[in-house]
PDB file of N, CA and C in Angstrom:
ATOM      1  N   UNK A   1     248.632  94.965 -84.794  1.00  0.00           N
ATOM      2  CA  UNK A   1     248.607  94.998 -83.352  1.00  0.00           C
ATOM      3  C   UNK A   1     248.060  93.721 -82.742  1.00  0.00           C
ATOM      4  N   UNK A   2     247.103  93.100 -83.397  1.00  0.00           N
ATOM      5  CA  UNK A   2     246.524  91.904 -82.797  1.00  0.00           C
ATOM      6  C   UNK A   2     247.530  90.752 -82.756  1.00  0.00           C
ATOM      7  N   UNK A   3     248.474  90.723 -83.695  1.00  0.00           N
ATOM      8  CA  UNK A   3     249.510  89.692 -83.652  1.00  0.00           C
ATOM      9  C   UNK A   3     250.379  89.843 -82.424  1.00  0.00           C
ATOM     10  N   UNK A   4     250.752  91.070 -82.089  1.00  0.00           N
ATOM     11  CA  UNK A   4     251.612  91.270 -80.925  1.00  0.00           C
ATOM     12  C   UNK A   4     250.901  90.873 -79.637  1.00  0.00           C
ATOM     13  N   UNK A   5     249.611  91.107 -79.553  1.00  0.00           N
ATOM     14  CA  UNK A   5     248.834  90.703 -78.365  1.00  0.00           C
ATOM     15  C   UNK A   5     248.773  89.177 -78.264  1.00  0.00           C
ATOM     16  N   UNK A   6     248.545  88.540 -79.398  1.00  0.00           N
ATOM     17  CA  UNK A   6     248.496  87.066 -79.411  1.00  0.00           C
ATOM     18  C   UNK A   6     249.855  86.483 -79.027  1.00  0.00           C
ATOM     19  N   UNK A   7     250.928  87.060 -79.555  1.00  0.00           N
ATOM     20  CA  UNK A   7     252.288  86.620 -79.217  1.00  0.00           C
ATOM     21  C   UNK A   7     252.536  86.782 -77.724  1.00  0.00           C
ATOM     22  N   UNK A   8     252.135  87.915 -77.162  1.00  0.00           N
ATOM     23  CA  UNK A   8     252.322  88.160 -75.730  1.00  0.00           C
ATOM     24  C   UNK A   8     251.597  87.105 -74.893  1.00  0.00           C
ATOM     25  N   UNK A   9     250.373  86.786 -75.271  1.00  0.00           N
ATOM     26  CA  UNK A   9     249.601  85.762 -74.543  1.00  0.00           C
ATOM     27  C   UNK A   9     250.278  84.398 -74.644  1.00  0.00           C
ATOM     28  N   UNK A  10     250.730  84.049 -75.832  1.00  0.00           N
ATOM     29  CA  UNK A  10     251.381  82.760 -76.031  1.00  0.00           C
ATOM     30  C   UNK A  10     252.697  82.667 -75.252  1.00  0.00           C
ATOM     31  N   UNK A  11     253.469  83.751 -75.251  1.00  0.00           N
ATOM     32  CA  UNK A  11     254.722  83.750 -74.487  1.00  0.00           C
ATOM     33  C   UNK A  11     254.456  83.607 -72.992  1.00  0.00           C
ATOM     34  N   UNK A  12     253.377  84.222 -72.517  1.00  0.00           N
ATOM     35  CA  UNK A  12     252.996  84.086 -71.110  1.00  0.00           C
ATOM     36  C   UNK A  12     252.603  82.645 -70.788  1.00  0.00           C
ATOM     37  N   UNK A  13     251.846  82.016 -71.677  1.00  0.00           N
ATOM     38  CA  UNK A  13     251.472  80.610 -71.503  1.00  0.00           C
ATOM     39  C   UNK A  13     252.711  79.720 -71.513  1.00  0.00           C
ATOM     40  N   UNK A  14     253.625  80.008 -72.426  1.00  0.00           N
ATOM     41  CA  UNK A  14     254.862  79.234 -72.532  1.00  0.00           C
ATOM     42  C   UNK A  14     255.661  79.319 -71.238  1.00  0.00           C
ATOM     43  N   UNK A  15     255.765  80.520 -70.665  1.00  0.00           N
ATOM     44  CA  UNK A  15     256.485  80.695 -69.410  1.00  0.00           C
ATOM     45  C   UNK A  15     255.798  79.934 -68.277  1.00  0.00           C
ATOM     46  N   UNK A  16     254.463  80.001 -68.212  1.00  0.00           N
ATOM     47  CA  UNK A  16     253.716  79.278 -67.180  1.00  0.00           C
ATOM     48  C   UNK A  16     253.935  77.771 -67.294  1.00  0.00           C
ATOM     49  N   UNK A  17     253.910  77.261 -68.507  1.00  0.00           N
ATOM     50  CA  UNK A  17     254.125  75.827 -68.732  1.00  0.00           C
ATOM     51  C   UNK A  17     255.544  75.433 -68.340  1.00  0.00           C
ATOM     52  N   UNK A  18     256.533  76.244 -68.729  1.00  0.00           N
ATOM     53  CA  UNK A  18     257.919  75.942 -68.382  1.00  0.00           C
ATOM     54  C   UNK A  18     258.115  75.964 -66.868  1.00  0.00           C
ATOM     55  N   UNK A  19     257.447  76.893 -66.177  1.00  0.00           N
ATOM     56  CA  UNK A  19     257.518  76.935 -64.710  1.00  0.00           C
ATOM     57  C   UNK A  19     256.944  75.653 -64.098  1.00  0.00           C
ATOM     58  N   UNK A  20     255.848  75.149 -64.644  1.00  0.00           N
ATOM     59  CA  UNK A  20     255.242  73.905 -64.157  1.00  0.00           C
ATOM     60  C   UNK A  20     256.183  72.723 -64.382  1.00  0.00           C
ATOM     61  N   UNK A  21     256.790  72.673 -65.561  1.00  0.00           N
ATOM     62  CA  UNK A  21     257.744  71.600 -65.866  1.00  0.00           C
ATOM     63  C   UNK A  21     258.925  71.666 -64.904  1.00  0.00           C
ATOM     64  N   UNK A  22     259.463  72.866 -64.686  1.00  0.00           N
ATOM     65  CA  UNK A  22     260.593  73.028 -63.766  1.00  0.00           C
ATOM     66  C   UNK A  22     260.237  72.558 -62.358  1.00  0.00           C
ATOM     67  N   UNK A  23     259.033  72.877 -61.879  1.00  0.00           N
ATOM     68  CA  UNK A  23     258.596  72.435 -60.550  1.00  0.00           C
ATOM     69  C   UNK A  23     258.540  70.910 -60.461  1.00  0.00           C
ATOM     70  N   UNK A  24     257.992  70.274 -61.473  1.00  0.00           N
ATOM     71  CA  UNK A  24     257.904  68.811 -61.498  1.00  0.00           C
ATOM     72  C   UNK A  24     259.299  68.202 -61.505  1.00  0.00           C
ATOM     73  N   UNK A  25     260.185  68.726 -62.337  1.00  0.00           N
ATOM     74  CA  UNK A  25     261.536  68.180 -62.441  1.00  0.00           C
ATOM     75  C   UNK A  25     262.335  68.393 -61.165  1.00  0.00           C
ATOM     76  N   UNK A  26     262.141  69.525 -60.491  1.00  0.00           N
ATOM     77  CA  UNK A  26     262.842  69.766 -59.226  1.00  0.00           C
ATOM     78  C   UNK A  26     262.382  68.785 -58.142  1.00  0.00           C
ATOM     79  N   UNK A  27     261.112  68.413 -58.157  1.00  0.00           N
ATOM     80  CA  UNK A  27     260.575  67.505 -57.151  1.00  0.00           C
ATOM     81  C   UNK A  27     260.827  66.035 -57.435  1.00  0.00           C
ATOM     82  N   UNK A  28     261.284  65.710 -58.633  1.00  0.00           N
ATOM     83  CA  UNK A  28     261.505  64.316 -59.024  1.00  0.00           C
ATOM     84  C   UNK A  28     262.792  63.784 -58.403  1.00  0.00           C
ATOM     85  N   UNK A  29     262.770  62.528 -58.000  1.00  0.00           N
ATOM     86  CA  UNK A  29     263.956  61.872 -57.434  1.00  0.00           C
ATOM     87  C   UNK A  29     264.847  61.268 -58.524  1.00  0.00           C
ATOM     88  N   UNK A  30     264.416  61.326 -59.781  1.00  0.00           N
ATOM     89  CA  UNK A  30     265.160  60.796 -60.942  1.00  0.00           C
ATOM     90  C   UNK A  30     265.597  59.350 -60.688  1.00  0.00           C
ATOM     91  N   UNK A  31     264.616  58.453 -60.483  1.00  0.00           N
ATOM     92  CA  UNK A  31     264.950  57.073 -60.133  1.00  0.00           C
ATOM     93  C   UNK A  31     265.572  56.258 -61.272  1.00  0.00           C
ATOM     94  N   UNK A  32     265.294  56.624 -62.505  1.00  0.00           N
ATOM     95  CA  UNK A  32     265.781  55.835 -63.642  1.00  0.00           C
ATOM     96  C   UNK A  32     266.317  56.787 -64.704  1.00  0.00           C
ATOM     97  N   UNK A  33     267.603  56.654 -65.011  1.00  0.00           N
ATOM     98  CA  UNK A  33     268.235  57.527 -65.994  1.00  0.00           C
ATOM     99  C   UNK A  33     268.579  56.753 -67.254  1.00  0.00           C
ATOM    100  N   UNK A  34     268.569  57.465 -68.369  1.00  0.00           N
ATOM    101  CA  UNK A  34     268.883  56.860 -69.665  1.00  0.00           C
ATOM    102  C   UNK A  34     269.652  57.898 -70.483  1.00  0.00           C
ATOM    103  N   UNK A  35     270.696  57.466 -71.168  1.00  0.00           N
ATOM    104  CA  UNK A  35     271.443  58.376 -72.038  1.00  0.00           C
ATOM    105  C   UNK A  35     270.579  58.744 -73.237  1.00  0.00           C
ATOM    106  N   UNK A  36     270.604  60.024 -73.578  1.00  0.00           N
ATOM    107  CA  UNK A  36     269.804  60.482 -74.703  1.00  0.00           C
ATOM    108  C   UNK A  36     270.369  61.803 -75.225  1.00  0.00           C
ATOM    109  N   UNK A  37     270.068  62.117 -76.481  1.00  0.00           N
ATOM    110  CA  UNK A  37     270.448  63.404 -77.035  1.00  0.00           C
ATOM    111  C   UNK A  37     269.497  64.476 -76.519  1.00  0.00           C
ATOM    112  N   UNK A  38     270.046  65.646 -76.184  1.00  0.00           N
ATOM    113  CA  UNK A  38     269.217  66.802 -75.870  1.00  0.00           C
ATOM    114  C   UNK A  38     269.738  67.983 -76.676  1.00  0.00           C
ATOM    115  N   UNK A  39     268.853  68.940 -76.956  1.00  0.00           N
ATOM    116  CA  UNK A  39     269.235  70.149 -77.676  1.00  0.00           C
ATOM    117  C   UNK A  39     269.447  71.278 -76.686  1.00  0.00           C
ATOM    118  N   UNK A  40     270.353  72.188 -77.030  1.00  0.00           N
ATOM    119  CA  UNK A  40     270.514  73.369 -76.186  1.00  0.00           C
ATOM    120  C   UNK A  40     269.320  74.300 -76.391  1.00  0.00           C
ATOM    121  N   UNK A  41     269.276  75.380 -75.645  1.00  0.00           N
ATOM    122  CA  UNK A  41     268.109  76.261 -75.654  1.00  0.00           C
ATOM    123  C   UNK A  41     267.807  76.884 -77.006  1.00  0.00           C
ATOM    124  N   UNK A  42     268.828  77.155 -77.793  1.00  0.00           N
ATOM    125  CA  UNK A  42     268.553  77.760 -79.105  1.00  0.00           C
ATOM    126  C   UNK A  42     268.347  76.711 -80.194  1.00  0.00           C
ATOM    127  N   UNK A  43     268.453  75.427 -79.841  1.00  0.00           N
ATOM    128  CA  UNK A  43     268.150  74.350 -80.770  1.00  0.00           C
ATOM    129  C   UNK A  43     269.219  74.040 -81.783  1.00  0.00           C
ATOM    130  N   UNK A  44     270.392  74.647 -81.652  1.00  0.00           N
ATOM    131  CA  UNK A  44     271.410  74.457 -82.677  1.00  0.00           C
ATOM    132  C   UNK A  44     272.379  73.314 -82.370  1.00  0.00           C
ATOM    133  N   UNK A  45     272.593  72.997 -81.126  1.00  0.00           N
ATOM    134  CA  UNK A  45     273.553  71.952 -80.754  1.00  0.00           C
ATOM    135  C   UNK A  45     272.873  70.834 -79.974  1.00  0.00           C
ATOM    136  N   UNK A  46     273.339  69.618 -80.223  1.00  0.00           N
ATOM    137  CA  UNK A  46     272.860  68.465 -79.458  1.00  0.00           C
ATOM    138  C   UNK A  46     274.029  67.875 -78.691  1.00  0.00           C
ATOM    139  N   UNK A  47     273.712  67.305 -77.534  1.00  0.00           N
ATOM    140  CA  UNK A  47     274.735  66.611 -76.747  1.00  0.00           C
ATOM    141  C   UNK A  47     274.071  65.446 -76.042  1.00  0.00           C
ATOM    142  N   UNK A  48     274.875  64.491 -75.624  1.00  0.00           N
ATOM    143  CA  UNK A  48     274.362  63.328 -74.901  1.00  0.00           C
ATOM    144  C   UNK A  48     274.383  63.639 -73.411  1.00  0.00           C
ATOM    145  N   UNK A  49     273.253  63.417 -72.770  1.00  0.00           N
ATOM    146  CA  UNK A  49     273.121  63.620 -71.330  1.00  0.00           C
ATOM    147  C   UNK A  49     272.365  62.428 -70.744  1.00  0.00           C
ATOM    148  N   UNK A  50     272.513  62.238 -69.447  1.00  0.00           N
ATOM    149  CA  UNK A  50     271.689  61.266 -68.746  1.00  0.00           C
ATOM    150  C   UNK A  50     270.382  61.978 -68.400  1.00  0.00           C
ATOM    151  N   UNK A  51     269.274  61.423 -68.892  1.00  0.00           N
ATOM    152  CA  UNK A  51     267.967  62.051 -68.775  1.00  0.00           C
ATOM    153  C   UNK A  51     267.062  61.158 -67.941  1.00  0.00           C
ATOM    154  N   UNK A  52     266.306  61.773 -67.034  1.00  0.00           N
ATOM    155  CA  UNK A  52     265.359  61.030 -66.210  1.00  0.00           C
ATOM    156  C   UNK A  52     264.245  60.477 -67.097  1.00  0.00           C
ATOM    157  N   UNK A  53     263.981  59.189 -66.984  1.00  0.00           N
ATOM    158  CA  UNK A  53     262.940  58.548 -67.782  1.00  0.00           C
ATOM    159  C   UNK A  53     261.569  59.082 -67.385  1.00  0.00           C
ATOM    160  N   UNK A  54     261.388  59.433 -66.115  1.00  0.00           N
ATOM    161  CA  UNK A  54     260.095  59.860 -65.604  1.00  0.00           C
ATOM    162  C   UNK A  54     259.772  61.309 -65.964  1.00  0.00           C
ATOM    163  N   UNK A  55     260.679  62.245 -65.665  1.00  0.00           N
ATOM    164  CA  UNK A  55     260.362  63.674 -65.833  1.00  0.00           C
ATOM    165  C   UNK A  55     261.086  64.340 -66.999  1.00  0.00           C
ATOM    166  N   UNK A  56     261.942  63.615 -67.684  1.00  0.00           N
ATOM    167  CA  UNK A  56     262.666  64.105 -68.865  1.00  0.00           C
ATOM    168  C   UNK A  56     263.697  65.192 -68.567  1.00  0.00           C
ATOM    169  N   UNK A  57     264.136  65.314 -67.306  1.00  0.00           N
ATOM    170  CA  UNK A  57     265.152  66.304 -66.953  1.00  0.00           C
ATOM    171  C   UNK A  57     266.536  65.783 -67.328  1.00  0.00           C
ATOM    172  N   UNK A  58     267.363  66.656 -67.899  1.00  0.00           N
ATOM    173  CA  UNK A  58     268.767  66.325 -68.134  1.00  0.00           C
ATOM    174  C   UNK A  58     269.468  66.452 -66.786  1.00  0.00           C
ATOM    175  N   UNK A  59     269.996  65.335 -66.272  1.00  0.00           N
ATOM    176  CA  UNK A  59     270.497  65.292 -64.904  1.00  0.00           C
ATOM    177  C   UNK A  59     272.009  65.467 -64.836  1.00  0.00           C
ATOM    178  N   UNK A  60     272.718  64.773 -65.728  1.00  0.00           N
ATOM    179  CA  UNK A  60     274.186  64.824 -65.676  1.00  0.00           C
ATOM    180  C   UNK A  60     274.741  64.299 -66.987  1.00  0.00           C
ATOM    181  N   UNK A  61     276.067  64.490 -67.148  1.00  0.00           N
ATOM    182  CA  UNK A  61     276.746  63.902 -68.295  1.00  0.00           C
ATOM    183  C   UNK A  61     276.955  62.410 -68.032  1.00  0.00           C
ATOM    184  N   UNK A  62     276.950  61.590 -69.079  1.00  0.00           N
ATOM    185  CA  UNK A  62     277.173  60.157 -68.885  1.00  0.00           C
ATOM    186  C   UNK A  62     278.631  59.856 -68.550  1.00  0.00           C
ATOM    187  N   UNK A  63     278.827  58.765 -67.824  1.00  0.00           N
ATOM    188  CA  UNK A  63     280.176  58.270 -67.570  1.00  0.00           C
ATOM    189  C   UNK A  63     280.711  57.680 -68.878  1.00  0.00           C
ATOM    190  N   UNK A  64     282.014  57.439 -68.961  1.00  0.00           N
ATOM    191  CA  UNK A  64     282.546  56.817 -70.189  1.00  0.00           C
ATOM    192  C   UNK A  64     281.878  55.474 -70.514  1.00  0.00           C
ATOM    193  N   UNK A  65     281.589  54.653 -69.513  1.00  0.00           N
ATOM    194  CA  UNK A  65     280.960  53.365 -69.803  1.00  0.00           C
ATOM    195  C   UNK A  65     279.509  53.552 -70.236  1.00  0.00           C
ATOM    196  N   UNK A  66     278.796  54.513 -69.653  1.00  0.00           N
ATOM    197  CA  UNK A  66     277.412  54.801 -70.090  1.00  0.00           C
ATOM    198  C   UNK A  66     277.412  55.312 -71.523  1.00  0.00           C
ATOM    199  N   UNK A  67     278.394  56.127 -71.861  1.00  0.00           N
ATOM    200  CA  UNK A  67     278.502  56.646 -73.209  1.00  0.00           C
ATOM    201  C   UNK A  67     278.800  55.521 -74.208  1.00  0.00           C
ATOM    202  N   UNK A  68     279.681  54.589 -73.821  1.00  0.00           N
ATOM    203  CA  UNK A  68     279.975  53.424 -74.667  1.00  0.00           C
ATOM    204  C   UNK A  68     278.704  52.601 -74.903  1.00  0.00           C
ATOM    205  N   UNK A  69     277.933  52.363 -73.841  1.00  0.00           N
ATOM    206  CA  UNK A  69     276.668  51.608 -73.976  1.00  0.00           C
ATOM    207  C   UNK A  69     275.701  52.327 -74.910  1.00  0.00           C
ATOM    208  N   UNK A  70     275.632  53.644 -74.797  1.00  0.00           N
ATOM    209  CA  UNK A  70     274.723  54.434 -75.631  1.00  0.00           C
ATOM    210  C   UNK A  70     275.135  54.349 -77.098  1.00  0.00           C
ATOM    211  N   UNK A  71     276.431  54.353 -77.358  1.00  0.00           N
ATOM    212  CA  UNK A  71     276.926  54.352 -78.734  1.00  0.00           C
ATOM    213  C   UNK A  71     276.913  52.970 -79.389  1.00  0.00           C
ATOM    214  N   UNK A  72     276.765  51.935 -78.587  1.00  0.00           N
ATOM    215  CA  UNK A  72     276.807  50.586 -79.182  1.00  0.00           C
ATOM    216  C   UNK A  72     275.449  50.012 -79.437  1.00  0.00           C
TER     217      UNK A  72
END
């Protein structure tokens, strides 16, 4: 039983932290973007996205020329 209580507390902390990150990313103007790999939520797939250098938010897919620059 004590494991389930600890798990519940940790999941609550994780949700609180994710909410804080989401608030910061929503308020960011994303002034500088850089192509980078990101993982999907389950961690099984990676894709290239334009990511804010400041807040680490995945903002958009790269243009073909941005993708070429990233690959070279």
